[in-house]
Amino acid sequence: MFEKISQHEQVVFCNDPSTGLKEIIAIQNTTLGPALGGCRMRPYGSVDEALEDVLRLSKGMTYK
């Protein structure tokens, strides 16, 4: 897990027990400007599956 995360500037895990919301925020690279990207709201089978998708999305947003 840490090897995947190390390719990003920042990865934040959030949890709100009162609503059951769990989220992961990833910023891959801000060299060309501030971070701005996509958002997905869907159920995942595991935290690893969600993390993989978040990291893939943030990497894609770097090149968009």
PDB file of N, CA and C in Angstrom:
ATOM      1  N   MET A   1       0.820  -1.189   0.000  1.00  0.00           N
ATOM      2  CA  MET A   1       0.000   0.000   0.000  1.00  0.00           C
ATOM      3  C   MET A   1       0.865   1.255   0.000  1.00  0.00           C
ATOM      4  N   PHE A   2       1.884   1.319   0.853  1.00  0.00           N
ATOM      5  CA  PHE A   2       2.716   2.517   0.949  1.00  0.00           C
ATOM      6  C   PHE A   2       3.506   2.764  -0.333  1.00  0.00           C
ATOM      7  N   GLU A   3       3.845   1.705  -1.054  1.00  0.00           N
ATOM      8  CA  GLU A   3       4.558   1.874  -2.323  1.00  0.00           C
ATOM      9  C   GLU A   3       3.672   2.605  -3.333  1.00  0.00           C
ATOM     10  N   LYS A   4       2.394   2.241  -3.390  1.00  0.00           N
ATOM     11  CA  LYS A   4       1.461   2.902  -4.305  1.00  0.00           C
ATOM     12  C   LYS A   4       1.256   4.363  -3.911  1.00  0.00           C
ATOM     13  N   ILE A   5       1.100   4.600  -2.624  1.00  0.00           N
ATOM     14  CA  ILE A   5       0.846   5.949  -2.123  1.00  0.00           C
ATOM     15  C   ILE A   5       2.059   6.849  -2.325  1.00  0.00           C
ATOM     16  N   SER A   6       3.251   6.296  -2.271  1.00  0.00           N
ATOM     17  CA  SER A   6       4.471   7.105  -2.354  1.00  0.00           C
ATOM     18  C   SER A   6       4.616   7.823  -3.694  1.00  0.00           C
ATOM     19  N   GLN A   7       3.867   7.429  -4.698  1.00  0.00           N
ATOM     20  CA  GLN A   7       3.914   8.088  -6.003  1.00  0.00           C
ATOM     21  C   GLN A   7       2.994   9.311  -6.060  1.00  0.00           C
ATOM     22  N   HIS A   8       2.367   9.648  -4.948  1.00  0.00           N
ATOM     23  CA  HIS A   8       1.439  10.775  -4.862  1.00  0.00           C
ATOM     24  C   HIS A   8       1.933  11.798  -3.844  1.00  0.00           C
ATOM     25  N   GLU A   9       1.583  13.058  -4.062  1.00  0.00           N
ATOM     26  CA  GLU A   9       1.965  14.107  -3.113  1.00  0.00           C
ATOM     27  C   GLU A   9       1.215  13.962  -1.796  1.00  0.00           C
ATOM     28  N   GLN A  10      -0.060  13.595  -1.894  1.00  0.00           N
ATOM     29  CA  GLN A  10      -0.865  13.512  -0.676  1.00  0.00           C
ATOM     30  C   GLN A  10      -1.997  12.511  -0.862  1.00  0.00           C
ATOM     31  N   VAL A  11      -2.229  11.694   0.152  1.00  0.00           N
ATOM     32  CA  VAL A  11      -3.363  10.777   0.192  1.00  0.00           C
ATOM     33  C   VAL A  11      -3.971  10.891   1.584  1.00  0.00           C
ATOM     34  N   VAL A  12      -5.274  11.181   1.628  1.00  0.00           N
ATOM     35  CA  VAL A  12      -5.959  11.407   2.900  1.00  0.00           C
ATOM     36  C   VAL A  12      -7.113  10.416   3.027  1.00  0.00           C
ATOM     37  N   PHE A  13      -7.185   9.741   4.160  1.00  0.00           N
ATOM     38  CA  PHE A  13      -8.289   8.842   4.466  1.00  0.00           C
ATOM     39  C   PHE A  13      -9.204   9.544   5.463  1.00  0.00           C
ATOM     40  N   CYS A  14     -10.497   9.625   5.159  1.00  0.00           N
ATOM     41  CA  CYS A  14     -11.467  10.296   6.037  1.00  0.00           C
ATOM     42  C   CYS A  14     -12.563   9.309   6.417  1.00  0.00           C
ATOM     43  N   ASN A  15     -13.128   9.511   7.602  1.00  0.00           N
ATOM     44  CA  ASN A  15     -14.185   8.643   8.099  1.00  0.00           C
ATOM     45  C   ASN A  15     -15.141   9.464   8.952  1.00  0.00           C
ATOM     46  N   ASP A  16     -16.443   9.374   8.672  1.00  0.00           N
ATOM     47  CA  ASP A  16     -17.463  10.045   9.480  1.00  0.00           C
ATOM     48  C   ASP A  16     -18.403   8.980  10.040  1.00  0.00           C
ATOM     49  N   PRO A  17     -18.161   8.536  11.275  1.00  0.00           N
ATOM     50  CA  PRO A  17     -18.972   7.466  11.858  1.00  0.00           C
ATOM     51  C   PRO A  17     -20.465   7.790  11.942  1.00  0.00           C
ATOM     52  N   SER A  18     -20.820   9.059  12.113  1.00  0.00           N
ATOM     53  CA  SER A  18     -22.240   9.407  12.259  1.00  0.00           C
ATOM     54  C   SER A  18     -23.033   9.158  10.971  1.00  0.00           C
ATOM     55  N   THR A  19     -22.382   9.255   9.818  1.00  0.00           N
ATOM     56  CA  THR A  19     -23.067   9.012   8.544  1.00  0.00           C
ATOM     57  C   THR A  19     -22.610   7.722   7.866  1.00  0.00           C
ATOM     58  N   GLY A  20     -21.505   7.156   8.338  1.00  0.00           N
ATOM     59  CA  GLY A  20     -20.947   5.967   7.708  1.00  0.00           C
ATOM     60  C   GLY A  20     -20.111   6.279   6.478  1.00  0.00           C
ATOM     61  N   LEU A  21     -19.902   7.568   6.216  1.00  0.00           N
ATOM     62  CA  LEU A  21     -19.114   7.972   5.054  1.00  0.00           C
ATOM     63  C   LEU A  21     -17.636   7.680   5.270  1.00  0.00           C
ATOM     64  N   LYS A  22     -17.043   7.045   4.280  1.00  0.00           N
ATOM     65  CA  LYS A  22     -15.596   6.821   4.258  1.00  0.00           C
ATOM     66  C   LYS A  22     -15.119   7.334   2.912  1.00  0.00           C
ATOM     67  N   GLU A  23     -14.031   8.092   2.927  1.00  0.00           N
ATOM     68  CA  GLU A  23     -13.538   8.632   1.670  1.00  0.00           C
ATOM     69  C   GLU A  23     -12.024   8.642   1.639  1.00  0.00           C
ATOM     70  N   ILE A  24     -11.502   8.652   0.428  1.00  0.00           N
ATOM     71  CA  ILE A  24     -10.063   8.748   0.201  1.00  0.00           C
ATOM     72  C   ILE A  24      -9.854   9.881  -0.795  1.00  0.00           C
ATOM     73  N   ILE A  25      -8.970  10.801  -0.462  1.00  0.00           N
ATOM     74  CA  ILE A  25      -8.636  11.925  -1.333  1.00  0.00           C
ATOM     75  C   ILE A  25      -7.174  11.768  -1.738  1.00  0.00           C
ATOM     76  N   ALA A  26      -6.897  11.819  -3.034  1.00  0.00           N
ATOM     77  CA  ALA A  26      -5.523  11.652  -3.513  1.00  0.00           C
ATOM     78  C   ALA A  26      -5.141  12.786  -4.456  1.00  0.00           C
ATOM     79  N   ILE A  27      -3.954  13.325  -4.233  1.00  0.00           N
ATOM     80  CA  ILE A  27      -3.378  14.343  -5.111  1.00  0.00           C
ATOM     81  C   ILE A  27      -2.061  13.778  -5.615  1.00  0.00           C
ATOM     82  N   GLN A  28      -1.972  13.582  -6.925  1.00  0.00           N
ATOM     83  CA  GLN A  28      -0.764  12.965  -7.468  1.00  0.00           C
ATOM     84  C   GLN A  28       0.343  13.970  -7.715  1.00  0.00           C
ATOM     85  N   ASN A  29       0.008  15.117  -8.345  1.00  0.00           N
ATOM     86  CA  ASN A  29       1.065  16.048  -8.717  1.00  0.00           C
ATOM     87  C   ASN A  29       0.492  17.448  -8.926  1.00  0.00           C
ATOM     88  N   THR A  30       1.099  18.448  -8.302  1.00  0.00           N
ATOM     89  CA  THR A  30       0.650  19.837  -8.472  1.00  0.00           C
ATOM     90  C   THR A  30       1.720  20.707  -9.134  1.00  0.00           C
ATOM     91  N   THR A  31       2.661  20.097  -9.814  1.00  0.00           N
ATOM     92  CA  THR A  31       3.744  20.835 -10.460  1.00  0.00           C
ATOM     93  C   THR A  31       3.218  21.886 -11.437  1.00  0.00           C
ATOM     94  N   LEU A  32       2.188  21.554 -12.192  1.00  0.00           N
ATOM     95  CA  LEU A  32       1.651  22.472 -13.202  1.00  0.00           C
ATOM     96  C   LEU A  32       0.514  23.346 -12.685  1.00  0.00           C
ATOM     97  N   GLY A  33       0.194  23.258 -11.413  1.00  0.00           N
ATOM     98  CA  GLY A  33      -0.872  24.087 -10.856  1.00  0.00           C
ATOM     99  C   GLY A  33      -1.621  23.370  -9.754  1.00  0.00           C
ATOM    100  N   PRO A  34      -2.652  24.035  -9.210  1.00  0.00           N
ATOM    101  CA  PRO A  34      -3.396  23.460  -8.085  1.00  0.00           C
ATOM    102  C   PRO A  34      -4.159  22.193  -8.480  1.00  0.00           C
ATOM    103  N   ALA A  35      -4.437  21.386  -7.483  1.00  0.00           N
ATOM    104  CA  ALA A  35      -5.137  20.125  -7.709  1.00  0.00           C
ATOM    105  C   ALA A  35      -6.621  20.365  -7.958  1.00  0.00           C
ATOM    106  N   LEU A  36      -7.142  19.710  -8.978  1.00  0.00           N
ATOM    107  CA  LEU A  36      -8.561  19.764  -9.299  1.00  0.00           C
ATOM    108  C   LEU A  36      -8.851  18.507 -10.095  1.00  0.00           C
ATOM    109  N   GLY A  37      -9.867  17.782  -9.733  1.00  0.00           N
ATOM    110  CA  GLY A  37     -10.066  16.535 -10.453  1.00  0.00           C
ATOM    111  C   GLY A  37     -11.440  15.948 -10.288  1.00  0.00           C
ATOM    112  N   GLY A  38     -11.501  14.655 -10.493  1.00  0.00           N
ATOM    113  CA  GLY A  38     -12.760  13.942 -10.492  1.00  0.00           C
ATOM    114  C   GLY A  38     -13.167  13.452  -9.118  1.00  0.00           C
ATOM    115  N   CYS A  39     -14.411  13.030  -9.064  1.00  0.00           N
ATOM    116  CA  CYS A  39     -14.975  12.515  -7.816  1.00  0.00           C
ATOM    117  C   CYS A  39     -15.832  11.306  -8.166  1.00  0.00           C
ATOM    118  N   ARG A  40     -15.690  10.247  -7.392  1.00  0.00           N
ATOM    119  CA  ARG A  40     -16.523   9.059  -7.579  1.00  0.00           C
ATOM    120  C   ARG A  40     -17.208   8.742  -6.265  1.00  0.00           C
ATOM    121  N   MET A  41     -18.465   8.375  -6.358  1.00  0.00           N
ATOM    122  CA  MET A  41     -19.211   7.986  -5.162  1.00  0.00           C
ATOM    123  C   MET A  41     -19.856   6.638  -5.469  1.00  0.00           C
ATOM    124  N   ARG A  42     -19.220   5.587  -4.973  1.00  0.00           N
ATOM    125  CA  ARG A  42     -19.719   4.239  -5.234  1.00  0.00           C
ATOM    126  C   ARG A  42     -19.249   3.301  -4.136  1.00  0.00           C
ATOM    127  N   PRO A  43     -19.949   2.201  -3.956  1.00  0.00           N
ATOM    128  CA  PRO A  43     -19.497   1.214  -2.968  1.00  0.00           C
ATOM    129  C   PRO A  43     -18.356   0.367  -3.548  1.00  0.00           C
ATOM    130  N   TYR A  44     -17.396   0.055  -2.714  1.00  0.00           N
ATOM    131  CA  TYR A  44     -16.265  -0.795  -3.105  1.00  0.00           C
ATOM    132  C   TYR A  44     -16.255  -2.035  -2.216  1.00  0.00           C
ATOM    133  N   GLY A  45     -15.703  -3.099  -2.720  1.00  0.00           N
ATOM    134  CA  GLY A  45     -15.632  -4.343  -1.974  1.00  0.00           C
ATOM    135  C   GLY A  45     -14.641  -4.307  -0.827  1.00  0.00           C
ATOM    136  N   SER A  46     -13.633  -3.421  -0.935  1.00  0.00           N
ATOM    137  CA  SER A  46     -12.614  -3.328   0.108  1.00  0.00           C
ATOM    138  C   SER A  46     -11.934  -1.963   0.029  1.00  0.00           C
ATOM    139  N   VAL A  47     -11.212  -1.625   1.076  1.00  0.00           N
ATOM    140  CA  VAL A  47     -10.444  -0.378   1.095  1.00  0.00           C
ATOM    141  C   VAL A  47      -9.357  -0.429   0.025  1.00  0.00           C
ATOM    142  N   ASP A  48      -8.732  -1.583  -0.158  1.00  0.00           N
ATOM    143  CA  ASP A  48      -7.692  -1.721  -1.185  1.00  0.00           C
ATOM    144  C   ASP A  48      -8.246  -1.451  -2.584  1.00  0.00           C
ATOM    145  N   GLU A  49      -9.443  -1.957  -2.848  1.00  0.00           N
ATOM    146  CA  GLU A  49     -10.081  -1.728  -4.146  1.00  0.00           C
ATOM    147  C   GLU A  49     -10.384  -0.240  -4.341  1.00  0.00           C
ATOM    148  N   ALA A  50     -10.894   0.410  -3.312  1.00  0.00           N
ATOM    149  CA  ALA A  50     -11.183   1.847  -3.379  1.00  0.00           C
ATOM    150  C   ALA A  50      -9.901   2.648  -3.574  1.00  0.00           C
ATOM    151  N   LEU A  51      -8.865   2.303  -2.828  1.00  0.00           N
ATOM    152  CA  LEU A  51      -7.589   3.010  -2.930  1.00  0.00           C
ATOM    153  C   LEU A  51      -7.012   2.881  -4.336  1.00  0.00           C
ATOM    154  N   GLU A  52      -7.061   1.699  -4.903  1.00  0.00           N
ATOM    155  CA  GLU A  52      -6.553   1.478  -6.264  1.00  0.00           C
ATOM    156  C   GLU A  52      -7.281   2.383  -7.259  1.00  0.00           C
ATOM    157  N   ASP A  53      -8.592   2.474  -7.132  1.00  0.00           N
ATOM    158  CA  ASP A  53      -9.383   3.308  -8.033  1.00  0.00           C
ATOM    159  C   ASP A  53      -9.078   4.794  -7.835  1.00  0.00           C
ATOM    160  N   VAL A  54      -8.963   5.224  -6.593  1.00  0.00           N
ATOM    161  CA  VAL A  54      -8.659   6.629  -6.291  1.00  0.00           C
ATOM    162  C   VAL A  54      -7.290   7.022  -6.849  1.00  0.00           C
ATOM    163  N   LEU A  55      -6.299   6.188  -6.663  1.00  0.00           N
ATOM    164  CA  LEU A  55      -4.959   6.495  -7.156  1.00  0.00           C
ATOM    165  C   LEU A  55      -4.924   6.529  -8.682  1.00  0.00           C
ATOM    166  N   ARG A  56      -5.656   5.621  -9.305  1.00  0.00           N
ATOM    167  CA  ARG A  56      -5.730   5.600 -10.770  1.00  0.00           C
ATOM    168  C   ARG A  56      -6.422   6.872 -11.283  1.00  0.00           C
ATOM    169  N   LEU A  57      -7.509   7.283 -10.623  1.00  0.00           N
ATOM    170  CA  LEU A  57      -8.224   8.498 -11.019  1.00  0.00           C
ATOM    171  C   LEU A  57      -7.348   9.734 -10.849  1.00  0.00           C
ATOM    172  N   SER A  58      -6.652   9.841  -9.726  1.00  0.00           N
ATOM    173  CA  SER A  58      -5.817  11.025  -9.495  1.00  0.00           C
ATOM    174  C   SER A  58      -4.666  11.097 -10.495  1.00  0.00           C
ATOM    175  N   LYS A  59      -4.122   9.955 -10.855  1.00  0.00           N
ATOM    176  CA  LYS A  59      -3.053   9.943 -11.861  1.00  0.00           C
ATOM    177  C   LYS A  59      -3.599  10.392 -13.214  1.00  0.00           C
ATOM    178  N   GLY A  60      -4.783   9.926 -13.559  1.00  0.00           N
ATOM    179  CA  GLY A  60      -5.417  10.343 -14.813  1.00  0.00           C
ATOM    180  C   GLY A  60      -5.706  11.834 -14.842  1.00  0.00           C
ATOM    181  N   MET A  61      -6.117  12.393 -13.719  1.00  0.00           N
ATOM    182  CA  MET A  61      -6.418  13.822 -13.642  1.00  0.00           C
ATOM    183  C   MET A  61      -5.157  14.673 -13.792  1.00  0.00           C
ATOM    184  N   THR A  62      -4.001  14.122 -13.433  1.00  0.00           N
ATOM    185  CA  THR A  62      -2.735  14.845 -13.596  1.00  0.00           C
ATOM    186  C   THR A  62      -2.474  15.138 -15.068  1.00  0.00           C
ATOM    187  N   TYR A  63      -2.844  14.205 -15.939  1.00  0.00           N
ATOM    188  CA  TYR A  63      -2.565  14.350 -17.366  1.00  0.00           C
ATOM    189  C   TYR A  63      -3.718  14.963 -18.150  1.00  0.00           C
ATOM    190  N   LYS A  64      -4.820  15.248 -17.497  1.00  0.00           N
ATOM    191  CA  LYS A  64      -5.998  15.789 -18.182  1.00  0.00           C
ATOM    192  C   LYS A  64      -5.921  17.280 -18.327  1.00  0.00           C
TER     193      LYS A  64
END
